[in-house]
Amino acid sequence: MKTRFYALAILFFPFLFPQHADAQTPKSLLWEISGNGLAVPSYLYGTMHVGDKRAHNFSDATMAALNRSKAFAGELNMEDVDQMAILRLMKLDSGEHLDSRFSPDEWTRIDTYCKEKMHINVNDFRDYNVFFLYGLIVQSQFKNQKGQAVDIYFFGEAKKQGKKLLGLERVEEQIDAINRMTIEEQKKMVLDAVDGKAANSEKEMKKMMKYYAKGDLDGLMKISADADMGSNFETALITERNHRMAERMAPIMQEQSTFVAVGALHLPGEEGVIALLRAQGYTVKPLM
């Protein structure tokens, strides 16, 4: 059922956000974490929540790190995810409809985009909230969807190998972060995506995929710096989540070697996961 995929696509979307970094970040998606009492290293990998074949061009070092880790931790533990429950959380209250959130002109623009670019009728999703619509539109702008999203691929490999499966967050925490954004902020994101503005445009999505394939975190940050998502978005969906992930990684890594896979844009920046782990006393270095 397509709507089940869309629910997961929203939660695993690679959020865009402005951050700042003074030093140049090495071009790598794979990072080794050691020191601070760790008996064996753990690993951090920046993912892209899309199935583009270029995102699956993993290095030998990446697969070796996954294979020798005893546990796998994603943003969510997919074993615990109830997809239908996610859909219910994304639904509007009874009697409310999505088109009422937009002006007639705005809804026409959205409807036209969905028909011409996505080949769907947006009215089929009138019972869902604004952010659900945003997830639908942005996911459609990533082309070459040939297979599983990187996160799902790693999860599947870890499960096949019998690794301990963990999540750094709960679905309810991600939904709560979304709900802390104002409706106006969410509407702006939808309309910018439809109108091809800033980092939501299909052109910028192509650039993002190009930078990601090179492991260029600074390049990804450069694109995201153009996105004016509002302070609520940056605080709730990015900064606070980065801190939560870094804090919850610590006890997991102390217990066993863990391969951690989270969205690539959570890694760099002054309050990115790499910097936060270093602030805890860990040595975090790129593995090319």
C-alpha atoms as a PDB file:
ATOM      1  CA  MET A   1       0.000   0.000   0.000  1.00  0.00           C
ATOM      2  CA  LYS A   2       1.541   3.280  -1.116  1.00  0.00           C
ATOM      3  CA  THR A   3       0.436   5.278   1.894  1.00  0.00           C
ATOM      4  CA  ARG A   4       2.432   2.995   4.188  1.00  0.00           C
ATOM      5  CA  PHE A   5       5.597   3.839   2.272  1.00  0.00           C
ATOM      6  CA  TYR A   6       4.762   7.529   2.381  1.00  0.00           C
ATOM      7  CA  ALA A   7       4.408   7.459   6.165  1.00  0.00           C
ATOM      8  CA  LEU A   8       7.908   6.089   6.507  1.00  0.00           C
ATOM      9  CA  ALA A   9       9.226   8.436   3.844  1.00  0.00           C
ATOM     10  CA  ILE A  10       8.145  11.387   5.943  1.00  0.00           C
ATOM     11  CA  LEU A  11       9.848  10.201   9.091  1.00  0.00           C
ATOM     12  CA  PHE A  12      13.012   9.258   7.264  1.00  0.00           C
ATOM     13  CA  PHE A  13      13.210  12.332   5.071  1.00  0.00           C
ATOM     14  CA  PRO A  14      16.699  13.925   4.986  1.00  0.00           C
ATOM     15  CA  PHE A  15      15.750  17.271   6.532  1.00  0.00           C
ATOM     16  CA  LEU A  16      17.422  20.427   5.246  1.00  0.00           C
ATOM     17  CA  PHE A  17      18.660  22.954   7.737  1.00  0.00           C
ATOM     18  CA  PRO A  18      21.122  25.823   8.109  1.00  0.00           C
ATOM     19  CA  GLN A  19      24.189  25.171  10.223  1.00  0.00           C
ATOM     20  CA  HIS A  20      27.641  26.673  10.304  1.00  0.00           C
ATOM     21  CA  ALA A  21      31.091  25.138  10.471  1.00  0.00           C
ATOM     22  CA  ASP A  22      34.399  26.967  10.450  1.00  0.00           C
ATOM     23  CA  ALA A  23      36.677  24.048   9.567  1.00  0.00           C
ATOM     24  CA  GLN A  24      36.416  22.019   6.395  1.00  0.00           C
ATOM     25  CA  THR A  25      34.869  18.613   7.004  1.00  0.00           C
ATOM     26  CA  PRO A  26      36.672  15.649   5.386  1.00  0.00           C
ATOM     27  CA  LYS A  27      34.696  14.080   2.555  1.00  0.00           C
ATOM     28  CA  SER A  28      33.412  10.937   4.198  1.00  0.00           C
ATOM     29  CA  LEU A  29      30.093   9.424   5.195  1.00  0.00           C
ATOM     30  CA  LEU A  30      31.728   6.826   7.469  1.00  0.00           C
ATOM     31  CA  TRP A  31      33.265   7.840  10.808  1.00  0.00           C
ATOM     32  CA  GLU A  32      35.014   5.749  13.439  1.00  0.00           C
ATOM     33  CA  ILE A  33      34.278   6.483  17.111  1.00  0.00           C
ATOM     34  CA  SER A  34      36.867   5.475  19.711  1.00  0.00           C
ATOM     35  CA  GLY A  35      38.328   6.543  23.058  1.00  0.00           C
ATOM     36  CA  ASN A  36      36.471   7.694  26.167  1.00  0.00           C
ATOM     37  CA  GLY A  37      36.469   4.190  27.616  1.00  0.00           C
ATOM     38  CA  LEU A  38      35.306   2.287  24.539  1.00  0.00           C
ATOM     39  CA  ALA A  39      36.799  -1.211  24.455  1.00  0.00           C
ATOM     40  CA  VAL A  40      36.244  -1.414  20.687  1.00  0.00           C
ATOM     41  CA  PRO A  41      35.373   1.257  18.124  1.00  0.00           C
ATOM     42  CA  SER A  42      31.862   2.009  16.936  1.00  0.00           C
ATOM     43  CA  TYR A  43      30.902   3.613  13.643  1.00  0.00           C
ATOM     44  CA  LEU A  44      28.719   6.481  12.466  1.00  0.00           C
ATOM     45  CA  TYR A  45      27.350   6.578   8.924  1.00  0.00           C
ATOM     46  CA  GLY A  46      25.469   9.443   7.283  1.00  0.00           C
ATOM     47  CA  THR A  47      22.544   8.153   5.288  1.00  0.00           C
ATOM     48  CA  MET A  48      20.246   9.538   2.631  1.00  0.00           C
ATOM     49  CA  HIS A  49      16.657   8.457   3.033  1.00  0.00           C
ATOM     50  CA  VAL A  50      16.237   7.665  -0.659  1.00  0.00           C
ATOM     51  CA  GLY A  51      16.735   4.649  -2.901  1.00  0.00           C
ATOM     52  CA  ASP A  52      18.907   6.340  -5.538  1.00  0.00           C
ATOM     53  CA  LYS A  53      21.479   3.813  -6.749  1.00  0.00           C
ATOM     54  CA  ARG A  54      24.285   6.363  -6.255  1.00  0.00           C
ATOM     55  CA  ALA A  55      23.542   6.349  -2.536  1.00  0.00           C
ATOM     56  CA  HIS A  56      24.257   2.611  -2.476  1.00  0.00           C
ATOM     57  CA  ASN A  57      27.818   2.848  -3.730  1.00  0.00           C
ATOM     58  CA  PHE A  58      29.246   1.787  -0.369  1.00  0.00           C
ATOM     59  CA  SER A  59      32.974   1.548   0.237  1.00  0.00           C
ATOM     60  CA  ASP A  60      34.612  -1.685   1.371  1.00  0.00           C
ATOM     61  CA  ALA A  61      35.350   0.045   4.691  1.00  0.00           C
ATOM     62  CA  THR A  62      31.640   0.729   5.200  1.00  0.00           C
ATOM     63  CA  MET A  63      30.548  -2.845   4.738  1.00  0.00           C
ATOM     64  CA  ALA A  64      33.470  -4.105   6.854  1.00  0.00           C
ATOM     65  CA  ALA A  65      32.453  -1.752   9.672  1.00  0.00           C
ATOM     66  CA  LEU A  66      28.846  -2.957   9.505  1.00  0.00           C
ATOM     67  CA  ASN A  67      29.920  -6.612   9.445  1.00  0.00           C
ATOM     68  CA  ARG A  68      32.167  -6.413  12.508  1.00  0.00           C
ATOM     69  CA  SER A  69      29.740  -4.398  14.634  1.00  0.00           C
ATOM     70  CA  LYS A  70      27.668  -6.284  17.185  1.00  0.00           C
ATOM     71  CA  ALA A  71      24.684  -3.928  17.055  1.00  0.00           C
ATOM     72  CA  PHE A  72      22.931  -1.627  14.601  1.00  0.00           C
ATOM     73  CA  ALA A  73      21.246   1.633  15.634  1.00  0.00           C
ATOM     74  CA  GLY A  74      19.111   3.732  13.305  1.00  0.00           C
ATOM     75  CA  GLU A  75      17.068   6.830  13.970  1.00  0.00           C
ATOM     76  CA  LEU A  76      14.207   4.421  14.672  1.00  0.00           C
ATOM     77  CA  ASN A  77      14.185   0.699  15.353  1.00  0.00           C
ATOM     78  CA  MET A  78      12.136  -0.528  12.418  1.00  0.00           C
ATOM     79  CA  GLU A  79      11.132  -3.615  14.398  1.00  0.00           C
ATOM     80  CA  ASP A  80       9.099  -1.314  16.647  1.00  0.00           C
ATOM     81  CA  VAL A  81       7.527   0.858  13.947  1.00  0.00           C
ATOM     82  CA  ASP A  82       3.775   0.460  13.442  1.00  0.00           C
ATOM     83  CA  GLN A  83       3.228   2.017  10.033  1.00  0.00           C
ATOM     84  CA  MET A  84      -0.534   2.247  10.405  1.00  0.00           C
ATOM     85  CA  ALA A  85      -0.101   3.975  13.765  1.00  0.00           C
ATOM     86  CA  ILE A  86       2.111   6.560  12.056  1.00  0.00           C
ATOM     87  CA  LEU A  87      -0.608   7.185   9.496  1.00  0.00           C
ATOM     88  CA  ARG A  88      -3.155   7.671  12.261  1.00  0.00           C
ATOM     89  CA  LEU A  89      -0.885  10.220  13.946  1.00  0.00           C
ATOM     90  CA  MET A  90      -0.606  12.096  10.642  1.00  0.00           C
ATOM     91  CA  LYS A  91      -4.369  12.325  10.191  1.00  0.00           C
ATOM     92  CA  LEU A  92      -6.371  15.468  10.868  1.00  0.00           C
ATOM     93  CA  ASP A  93      -9.163  15.521  13.421  1.00  0.00           C
ATOM     94  CA  SER A  94     -12.499  14.211  12.221  1.00  0.00           C
ATOM     95  CA  GLY A  95     -14.305  16.750  10.072  1.00  0.00           C
ATOM     96  CA  GLU A  96     -11.124  18.655   9.138  1.00  0.00           C
ATOM     97  CA  HIS A  97      -9.656  18.621   5.643  1.00  0.00           C
ATOM     98  CA  LEU A  98      -6.237  19.538   4.330  1.00  0.00           C
ATOM     99  CA  ASP A  99      -7.460  21.925   1.624  1.00  0.00           C
ATOM    100  CA  SER A 100      -8.957  24.181   4.322  1.00  0.00           C
ATOM    101  CA  ARG A 101      -5.410  24.982   5.452  1.00  0.00           C
ATOM    102  CA  PHE A 102      -4.649  26.669   2.105  1.00  0.00           C
ATOM    103  CA  SER A 103      -6.195  29.422   0.020  1.00  0.00           C
ATOM    104  CA  PRO A 104      -8.013  28.338  -3.178  1.00  0.00           C
ATOM    105  CA  ASP A 105      -5.067  29.584  -5.276  1.00  0.00           C
ATOM    106  CA  GLU A 106      -2.534  27.710  -3.144  1.00  0.00           C
ATOM    107  CA  TRP A 107      -4.549  24.498  -3.292  1.00  0.00           C
ATOM    108  CA  THR A 108      -4.827  24.783  -7.078  1.00  0.00           C
ATOM    109  CA  ARG A 109      -1.039  25.111  -7.350  1.00  0.00           C
ATOM    110  CA  ILE A 110      -0.573  22.066  -5.138  1.00  0.00           C
ATOM    111  CA  ASP A 111      -3.201  20.058  -7.038  1.00  0.00           C
ATOM    112  CA  THR A 112      -1.614  20.934 -10.380  1.00  0.00           C
ATOM    113  CA  TYR A 113       1.851  19.959  -9.157  1.00  0.00           C
ATOM    114  CA  CYS A 114       0.644  16.623  -7.790  1.00  0.00           C
ATOM    115  CA  LYS A 115      -1.138  15.745 -11.024  1.00  0.00           C
ATOM    116  CA  GLU A 116       1.652  16.833 -13.377  1.00  0.00           C
ATOM    117  CA  LYS A 117       4.726  15.760 -11.388  1.00  0.00           C
ATOM    118  CA  MET A 118       3.494  12.941  -9.171  1.00  0.00           C
ATOM    119  CA  HIS A 119       0.499  11.607 -11.120  1.00  0.00           C
ATOM    120  CA  ILE A 120      -1.660  11.514  -8.017  1.00  0.00           C
ATOM    121  CA  ASN A 121      -4.811  13.310  -6.921  1.00  0.00           C
ATOM    122  CA  VAL A 122      -3.990  15.380  -3.859  1.00  0.00           C
ATOM    123  CA  ASN A 123      -7.627  15.191  -2.777  1.00  0.00           C
ATOM    124  CA  ASP A 124      -7.028  11.530  -1.953  1.00  0.00           C
ATOM    125  CA  PHE A 125      -4.940  12.803   0.976  1.00  0.00           C
ATOM    126  CA  ARG A 126      -7.327  15.494   2.304  1.00  0.00           C
ATOM    127  CA  ASP A 127      -7.598  13.690   5.640  1.00  0.00           C
ATOM    128  CA  TYR A 128      -3.860  14.020   6.372  1.00  0.00           C
ATOM    129  CA  ASN A 129      -1.929  16.952   7.793  1.00  0.00           C
ATOM    130  CA  VAL A 130       0.273  19.529   6.082  1.00  0.00           C
ATOM    131  CA  PHE A 131       3.573  17.864   6.927  1.00  0.00           C
ATOM    132  CA  PHE A 132       2.363  14.580   5.441  1.00  0.00           C
ATOM    133  CA  LEU A 133       1.751  16.445   2.184  1.00  0.00           C
ATOM    134  CA  TYR A 134       5.232  17.967   2.403  1.00  0.00           C
ATOM    135  CA  GLY A 135       6.744  14.497   2.704  1.00  0.00           C
ATOM    136  CA  LEU A 136       4.869  13.288  -0.374  1.00  0.00           C
ATOM    137  CA  ILE A 137       6.025  16.200  -2.508  1.00  0.00           C
ATOM    138  CA  VAL A 138       9.678  16.253  -1.476  1.00  0.00           C
ATOM    139  CA  GLN A 139      10.148  12.507  -1.837  1.00  0.00           C
ATOM    140  CA  SER A 140       8.827  12.798  -5.407  1.00  0.00           C
ATOM    141  CA  GLN A 141      11.642  15.221  -6.239  1.00  0.00           C
ATOM    142  CA  PHE A 142      14.320  12.578  -5.734  1.00  0.00           C
ATOM    143  CA  LYS A 143      14.721  10.699  -8.987  1.00  0.00           C
ATOM    144  CA  ASN A 144      16.383   7.343  -9.796  1.00  0.00           C
ATOM    145  CA  GLN A 145      14.579   5.571  -6.978  1.00  0.00           C
ATOM    146  CA  LYS A 146      15.871   2.108  -7.825  1.00  0.00           C
ATOM    147  CA  GLY A 147      15.774   0.330  -4.498  1.00  0.00           C
ATOM    148  CA  GLN A 148      15.554   0.611  -0.741  1.00  0.00           C
ATOM    149  CA  ALA A 149      16.440   3.742   1.162  1.00  0.00           C
ATOM    150  CA  VAL A 150      19.952   3.487   2.607  1.00  0.00           C
ATOM    151  CA  ASP A 151      18.627   3.286   6.180  1.00  0.00           C
ATOM    152  CA  ILE A 152      16.304   0.423   5.323  1.00  0.00           C
ATOM    153  CA  TYR A 153      19.077  -1.398   3.472  1.00  0.00           C
ATOM    154  CA  PHE A 154      21.456  -1.252   6.447  1.00  0.00           C
ATOM    155  CA  PHE A 155      18.674  -2.292   8.800  1.00  0.00           C
ATOM    156  CA  GLY A 156      17.889  -5.302   6.623  1.00  0.00           C
ATOM    157  CA  GLU A 157      21.542  -6.347   6.431  1.00  0.00           C
ATOM    158  CA  ALA A 158      21.948  -6.012  10.195  1.00  0.00           C
ATOM    159  CA  LYS A 159      18.820  -8.064  10.804  1.00  0.00           C
ATOM    160  CA  LYS A 160      20.000 -10.811   8.447  1.00  0.00           C
ATOM    161  CA  GLN A 161      23.277 -10.973  10.365  1.00  0.00           C
ATOM    162  CA  GLY A 162      21.439 -11.335  13.667  1.00  0.00           C
ATOM    163  CA  LYS A 163      22.754  -8.100  15.146  1.00  0.00           C
ATOM    164  CA  LYS A 164      21.114  -6.357  18.067  1.00  0.00           C
ATOM    165  CA  LEU A 165      18.690  -3.806  16.576  1.00  0.00           C
ATOM    166  CA  LEU A 166      18.271  -0.443  18.277  1.00  0.00           C
ATOM    167  CA  GLY A 167      16.704   2.968  17.700  1.00  0.00           C
ATOM    168  CA  LEU A 168      17.957   6.338  18.913  1.00  0.00           C
ATOM    169  CA  GLU A 169      14.490   7.875  18.870  1.00  0.00           C
ATOM    170  CA  ARG A 170      10.843   6.928  19.173  1.00  0.00           C
ATOM    171  CA  VAL A 171       8.185   7.647  16.565  1.00  0.00           C
ATOM    172  CA  GLU A 172       6.262   9.755  19.075  1.00  0.00           C
ATOM    173  CA  GLU A 173       9.319  11.994  19.574  1.00  0.00           C
ATOM    174  CA  GLN A 174       9.631  12.610  15.840  1.00  0.00           C
ATOM    175  CA  ILE A 175       5.927  13.354  15.489  1.00  0.00           C
ATOM    176  CA  ASP A 176       6.077  15.699  18.483  1.00  0.00           C
ATOM    177  CA  ALA A 177       8.952  17.585  16.852  1.00  0.00           C
ATOM    178  CA  ILE A 178       6.886  18.023  13.702  1.00  0.00           C
ATOM    179  CA  ASN A 179       3.856  19.203  15.660  1.00  0.00           C
ATOM    180  CA  ARG A 180       5.891  21.953  17.310  1.00  0.00           C
ATOM    181  CA  MET A 181       6.160  23.706  13.951  1.00  0.00           C
ATOM    182  CA  THR A 182       3.423  26.204  13.192  1.00  0.00           C
ATOM    183  CA  ILE A 183       0.946  25.512  10.414  1.00  0.00           C
ATOM    184  CA  GLU A 184       2.270  28.588   8.596  1.00  0.00           C
ATOM    185  CA  GLU A 185       5.824  27.198   8.687  1.00  0.00           C
ATOM    186  CA  GLN A 186       4.615  23.860   7.360  1.00  0.00           C
ATOM    187  CA  LYS A 187       2.566  25.542   4.644  1.00  0.00           C
ATOM    188  CA  LYS A 188       5.597  27.551   3.530  1.00  0.00           C
ATOM    189  CA  MET A 189       7.599  24.350   3.190  1.00  0.00           C
ATOM    190  CA  VAL A 190       4.897  22.786   1.019  1.00  0.00           C
ATOM    191  CA  LEU A 191       4.495  25.839  -1.215  1.00  0.00           C
ATOM    192  CA  ASP A 192       8.258  26.340  -1.579  1.00  0.00           C
ATOM    193  CA  ALA A 193       8.564  22.704  -2.646  1.00  0.00           C
ATOM    194  CA  VAL A 194       5.747  23.072  -5.178  1.00  0.00           C
ATOM    195  CA  ASP A 195       7.084  26.385  -6.502  1.00  0.00           C
ATOM    196  CA  GLY A 196      10.672  25.103  -6.776  1.00  0.00           C
ATOM    197  CA  LYS A 197      12.148  27.606  -4.338  1.00  0.00           C
ATOM    198  CA  ALA A 198      15.436  27.403  -2.407  1.00  0.00           C
ATOM    199  CA  ALA A 199      16.571  24.022  -1.120  1.00  0.00           C
ATOM    200  CA  ASN A 200      13.195  22.397  -1.802  1.00  0.00           C
ATOM    201  CA  SER A 201      13.538  22.636  -5.574  1.00  0.00           C
ATOM    202  CA  GLU A 202      14.101  19.589  -7.725  1.00  0.00           C
ATOM    203  CA  LYS A 203      17.296  21.207  -9.026  1.00  0.00           C
ATOM    204  CA  GLU A 204      18.685  21.512  -5.506  1.00  0.00           C
ATOM    205  CA  MET A 205      17.692  17.932  -4.731  1.00  0.00           C
ATOM    206  CA  LYS A 206      19.833  16.825  -7.667  1.00  0.00           C
ATOM    207  CA  LYS A 207      22.753  18.833  -6.298  1.00  0.00           C
ATOM    208  CA  MET A 208      22.225  17.282  -2.900  1.00  0.00           C
ATOM    209  CA  MET A 209      22.414  13.782  -4.346  1.00  0.00           C
ATOM    210  CA  LYS A 210      25.622  14.711  -6.184  1.00  0.00           C
ATOM    211  CA  TYR A 211      27.277  15.998  -3.005  1.00  0.00           C
ATOM    212  CA  TYR A 212      26.062  13.003  -1.033  1.00  0.00           C
ATOM    213  CA  ALA A 213      27.550  10.556  -3.525  1.00  0.00           C
ATOM    214  CA  LYS A 214      30.919  12.244  -2.923  1.00  0.00           C
ATOM    215  CA  GLY A 215      30.539  12.183   0.873  1.00  0.00           C
ATOM    216  CA  ASP A 216      30.726  15.976   0.825  1.00  0.00           C
ATOM    217  CA  LEU A 217      29.019  17.044   4.054  1.00  0.00           C
ATOM    218  CA  ASP A 218      30.098  20.659   3.588  1.00  0.00           C
ATOM    219  CA  GLY A 219      28.472  20.668   0.163  1.00  0.00           C
ATOM    220  CA  LEU A 220      25.246  19.398   1.685  1.00  0.00           C
ATOM    221  CA  MET A 221      25.411  22.115   4.327  1.00  0.00           C
ATOM    222  CA  LYS A 222      25.934  24.755   1.669  1.00  0.00           C
ATOM    223  CA  ILE A 223      22.699  23.746  -0.025  1.00  0.00           C
ATOM    224  CA  SER A 224      20.801  23.569   3.252  1.00  0.00           C
ATOM    225  CA  ALA A 225      22.001  27.039   4.271  1.00  0.00           C
ATOM    226  CA  ASP A 226      19.652  28.462   1.624  1.00  0.00           C
ATOM    227  CA  ALA A 227      16.636  26.885   3.291  1.00  0.00           C
ATOM    228  CA  ASP A 228      14.699  29.301   5.477  1.00  0.00           C
ATOM    229  CA  MET A 229      12.672  26.793   7.477  1.00  0.00           C
ATOM    230  CA  GLY A 230      12.155  28.915  10.585  1.00  0.00           C
ATOM    231  CA  SER A 231      13.547  28.697  14.096  1.00  0.00           C
ATOM    232  CA  ASN A 232      10.980  26.134  15.272  1.00  0.00           C
ATOM    233  CA  PHE A 233      12.033  23.773  12.495  1.00  0.00           C
ATOM    234  CA  GLU A 234      15.739  24.066  13.230  1.00  0.00           C
ATOM    235  CA  THR A 235      15.347  23.701  17.001  1.00  0.00           C
ATOM    236  CA  ALA A 236      12.772  20.904  17.156  1.00  0.00           C
ATOM    237  CA  LEU A 237      13.649  18.863  14.102  1.00  0.00           C
ATOM    238  CA  ILE A 238      17.404  19.305  14.004  1.00  0.00           C
ATOM    239  CA  THR A 239      19.288  20.688  17.000  1.00  0.00           C
ATOM    240  CA  GLU A 240      17.361  18.908  19.738  1.00  0.00           C
ATOM    241  CA  ARG A 241      17.381  15.653  17.790  1.00  0.00           C
ATOM    242  CA  ASN A 242      21.152  15.880  17.273  1.00  0.00           C
ATOM    243  CA  HIS A 243      21.668  16.205  21.028  1.00  0.00           C
ATOM    244  CA  ARG A 244      19.262  13.353  21.725  1.00  0.00           C
ATOM    245  CA  MET A 245      21.012  11.060  19.255  1.00  0.00           C
ATOM    246  CA  ALA A 246      24.501  11.809  20.567  1.00  0.00           C
ATOM    247  CA  GLU A 247      23.421  11.304  24.187  1.00  0.00           C
ATOM    248  CA  ARG A 248      21.707   7.996  23.471  1.00  0.00           C
ATOM    249  CA  MET A 249      24.600   6.682  21.402  1.00  0.00           C
ATOM    250  CA  ALA A 250      26.988   6.840  24.374  1.00  0.00           C
ATOM    251  CA  PRO A 251      25.604   3.981  26.539  1.00  0.00           C
ATOM    252  CA  ILE A 252      24.937   1.838  23.471  1.00  0.00           C
ATOM    253  CA  MET A 253      28.562   2.135  22.298  1.00  0.00           C
ATOM    254  CA  GLN A 254      29.876   1.447  25.791  1.00  0.00           C
ATOM    255  CA  GLU A 255      28.004  -1.861  25.764  1.00  0.00           C
ATOM    256  CA  GLN A 256      29.095  -3.113  22.322  1.00  0.00           C
ATOM    257  CA  SER A 257      30.517  -2.064  18.979  1.00  0.00           C
ATOM    258  CA  THR A 258      27.646  -0.390  17.142  1.00  0.00           C
ATOM    259  CA  PHE A 259      27.064   0.735  13.567  1.00  0.00           C
ATOM    260  CA  VAL A 260      24.956   3.895  13.814  1.00  0.00           C
ATOM    261  CA  ALA A 261      23.146   5.143  10.701  1.00  0.00           C
ATOM    262  CA  VAL A 262      21.404   8.542  10.759  1.00  0.00           C
ATOM    263  CA  GLY A 263      20.640  11.197   8.158  1.00  0.00           C
ATOM    264  CA  ALA A 264      23.851  12.705   6.771  1.00  0.00           C
ATOM    265  CA  LEU A 265      22.824  16.269   7.594  1.00  0.00           C
ATOM    266  CA  HIS A 266      22.713  15.375  11.283  1.00  0.00           C
ATOM    267  CA  LEU A 267      26.491  14.795  11.241  1.00  0.00           C
ATOM    268  CA  PRO A 268      28.221  18.138  10.479  1.00  0.00           C
ATOM    269  CA  GLY A 269      28.037  21.559  12.091  1.00  0.00           C
ATOM    270  CA  GLU A 270      28.746  23.061  15.484  1.00  0.00           C
ATOM    271  CA  GLU A 271      25.829  21.143  16.999  1.00  0.00           C
ATOM    272  CA  GLY A 272      26.022  18.146  14.705  1.00  0.00           C
ATOM    273  CA  VAL A 273      26.438  14.623  16.039  1.00  0.00           C
ATOM    274  CA  ILE A 274      30.171  14.494  15.235  1.00  0.00           C
ATOM    275  CA  ALA A 275      30.924  17.666  17.237  1.00  0.00           C
ATOM    276  CA  LEU A 276      28.659  16.568  20.097  1.00  0.00           C
ATOM    277  CA  LEU A 277      30.403  13.194  20.383  1.00  0.00           C
ATOM    278  CA  ARG A 278      33.793  14.908  20.415  1.00  0.00           C
ATOM    279  CA  ALA A 279      32.539  17.190  23.173  1.00  0.00           C
ATOM    280  CA  GLN A 280      31.737  14.057  25.198  1.00  0.00           C
ATOM    281  CA  GLY A 281      35.387  13.005  24.898  1.00  0.00           C
ATOM    282  CA  TYR A 282      35.223  10.581  21.992  1.00  0.00           C
ATOM    283  CA  THR A 283      37.670  10.549  19.091  1.00  0.00           C
ATOM    284  CA  VAL A 284      35.689  10.734  15.859  1.00  0.00           C
ATOM    285  CA  LYS A 285      37.642  10.357  12.633  1.00  0.00           C
ATOM    286  CA  PRO A 286      36.670   9.777   9.014  1.00  0.00           C
ATOM    287  CA  LEU A 287      37.241   6.449   7.323  1.00  0.00           C
ATOM    288  CA  MET A 288      37.633   7.085   3.599  1.00  0.00           C
END
